[in-house]
Amino acid sequence: IDPDSGMSHVTKAMTALAVLRDSMLMRNWVDDRPLRNPNKLYKRSFNPKAEAIIKKFPDAVVPYLETNKDLKRGG
C-alpha cells in the first residue's frame, strides 16, 4: 500500500498502464513530467516547503518541464 495515497501499488500500476495505452491509441502521449532530480532527493520532505512557497507566490510562471525546456523565458 502506498503511504501517500493509501492505494495498492498494483491498482496504481494498472491505472497508469490504462492511461498510457489510451494515450498510445490517441497518439497524444507526451512525457511532461518534471525533469529528474539528479541527486535523488526525497520529495516528501519538500512538500510542506513547496506548499508555503505556493501560498506566498500564487501567480507562478509556467513550470520548467521536459516538454517546454527550450521555451524562451523572460527576465
C-alpha atoms as a PDB file:
ATOM      1  CA  ILE A   1       0.000   0.000   0.000  1.00  0.00           C
ATOM      2  CA  ASP A   2       1.303   3.439  -0.973  1.00  0.00           C
ATOM      3  CA  PRO A   3       1.584   5.529   2.222  1.00  0.00           C
ATOM      4  CA  ASP A   4       0.784   8.801   0.424  1.00  0.00           C
ATOM      5  CA  SER A   5      -2.389   7.723  -1.389  1.00  0.00           C
ATOM      6  CA  GLY A   6      -3.492   4.662   0.590  1.00  0.00           C
ATOM      7  CA  MET A   7      -3.910   2.795  -2.698  1.00  0.00           C
ATOM      8  CA  SER A   8      -2.473  -0.556  -3.677  1.00  0.00           C
ATOM      9  CA  HIS A   9       0.643  -0.307  -5.827  1.00  0.00           C
ATOM     10  CA  VAL A  10      -0.953  -2.815  -8.220  1.00  0.00           C
ATOM     11  CA  THR A  11      -4.044  -0.612  -8.599  1.00  0.00           C
ATOM     12  CA  LYS A  12      -1.867   2.411  -9.325  1.00  0.00           C
ATOM     13  CA  ALA A  13       0.188   0.460 -11.878  1.00  0.00           C
ATOM     14  CA  MET A  14      -2.930  -0.846 -13.647  1.00  0.00           C
ATOM     15  CA  THR A  15      -4.374   2.656 -13.811  1.00  0.00           C
ATOM     16  CA  ALA A  16      -1.147   4.113 -15.164  1.00  0.00           C
ATOM     17  CA  LEU A  17      -0.934   1.427 -17.846  1.00  0.00           C
ATOM     18  CA  ALA A  18      -4.553   2.010 -18.892  1.00  0.00           C
ATOM     19  CA  VAL A  19      -3.877   5.744 -19.255  1.00  0.00           C
ATOM     20  CA  LEU A  20      -0.680   5.032 -21.181  1.00  0.00           C
ATOM     21  CA  ARG A  21      -2.454   2.648 -23.571  1.00  0.00           C
ATOM     22  CA  ASP A  22      -5.246   5.159 -24.167  1.00  0.00           C
ATOM     23  CA  SER A  23      -2.669   7.838 -24.972  1.00  0.00           C
ATOM     24  CA  MET A  24      -0.874   5.475 -27.346  1.00  0.00           C
ATOM     25  CA  LEU A  25      -4.137   4.797 -29.178  1.00  0.00           C
ATOM     26  CA  MET A  26      -4.976   8.516 -29.345  1.00  0.00           C
ATOM     27  CA  ARG A  27      -1.394   9.341 -30.405  1.00  0.00           C
ATOM     28  CA  ASN A  28      -1.068  12.070 -27.807  1.00  0.00           C
ATOM     29  CA  TRP A  29       1.416  10.553 -25.386  1.00  0.00           C
ATOM     30  CA  VAL A  30       3.953  13.175 -24.310  1.00  0.00           C
ATOM     31  CA  ASP A  31       6.105  12.856 -21.232  1.00  0.00           C
ATOM     32  CA  ASP A  32       5.557  16.154 -19.416  1.00  0.00           C
ATOM     33  CA  ARG A  33       6.848  15.129 -16.038  1.00  0.00           C
ATOM     34  CA  PRO A  34       9.290  17.493 -14.310  1.00  0.00           C
ATOM     35  CA  LEU A  35      12.960  16.868 -15.031  1.00  0.00           C
ATOM     36  CA  ARG A  36      14.513  14.092 -12.973  1.00  0.00           C
ATOM     37  CA  ASN A  37      16.277  15.122  -9.803  1.00  0.00           C
ATOM     38  CA  PRO A  38      19.938  14.180 -10.258  1.00  0.00           C
ATOM     39  CA  ASN A  39      20.538  13.993  -6.508  1.00  0.00           C
ATOM     40  CA  LYS A  40      17.615  11.612  -5.862  1.00  0.00           C
ATOM     41  CA  LEU A  41      16.280  13.799  -3.057  1.00  0.00           C
ATOM     42  CA  TYR A  42      13.146  12.641  -1.304  1.00  0.00           C
ATOM     43  CA  LYS A  43      10.232  14.848  -2.341  1.00  0.00           C
ATOM     44  CA  ARG A  44       8.063  14.024   0.666  1.00  0.00           C
ATOM     45  CA  SER A  45      10.193  16.281   2.884  1.00  0.00           C
ATOM     46  CA  PHE A  46       9.844  19.129   0.389  1.00  0.00           C
ATOM     47  CA  ASN A  47       6.034  19.103   0.205  1.00  0.00           C
ATOM     48  CA  PRO A  48       5.498  21.415   3.221  1.00  0.00           C
ATOM     49  CA  LYS A  49       8.138  23.822   1.882  1.00  0.00           C
ATOM     50  CA  ALA A  50       6.565  23.788  -1.587  1.00  0.00           C
ATOM     51  CA  GLU A  51       3.128  24.438  -0.103  1.00  0.00           C
ATOM     52  CA  ALA A  52       4.451  27.515   1.723  1.00  0.00           C
ATOM     53  CA  ILE A  53       6.082  28.830  -1.461  1.00  0.00           C
ATOM     54  CA  ILE A  54       2.892  28.289  -3.486  1.00  0.00           C
ATOM     55  CA  LYS A  55       0.889  30.249  -0.917  1.00  0.00           C
ATOM     56  CA  LYS A  56       3.477  33.032  -0.862  1.00  0.00           C
ATOM     57  CA  PHE A  57       3.646  33.328  -4.676  1.00  0.00           C
ATOM     58  CA  PRO A  58       0.188  32.468  -6.068  1.00  0.00           C
ATOM     59  CA  ASP A  59       0.900  33.874  -9.572  1.00  0.00           C
ATOM     60  CA  ALA A  60       3.589  31.394 -10.587  1.00  0.00           C
ATOM     61  CA  VAL A  61       5.220  31.220 -14.016  1.00  0.00           C
ATOM     62  CA  VAL A  62       4.924  28.206 -16.324  1.00  0.00           C
ATOM     63  CA  PRO A  63       6.859  25.259 -14.814  1.00  0.00           C
ATOM     64  CA  TYR A  64      10.095  24.076 -16.400  1.00  0.00           C
ATOM     65  CA  LEU A  65       9.190  20.670 -17.853  1.00  0.00           C
ATOM     66  CA  GLU A  66      10.796  18.276 -20.306  1.00  0.00           C
ATOM     67  CA  THR A  67       8.243  19.293 -22.947  1.00  0.00           C
ATOM     68  CA  ASN A  68       8.956  23.022 -22.676  1.00  0.00           C
ATOM     69  CA  LYS A  69      12.616  23.080 -21.655  1.00  0.00           C
ATOM     70  CA  ASP A  70      13.507  25.012 -24.834  1.00  0.00           C
ATOM     71  CA  LEU A  71      10.848  27.681 -24.238  1.00  0.00           C
ATOM     72  CA  LYS A  72      12.334  31.175 -24.163  1.00  0.00           C
ATOM     73  CA  ARG A  73      11.771  32.729 -20.752  1.00  0.00           C
ATOM     74  CA  GLY A  74      11.538  36.399 -19.855  1.00  0.00           C
ATOM     75  CA  GLY A  75      13.663  38.117 -17.317  1.00  0.00           C
END
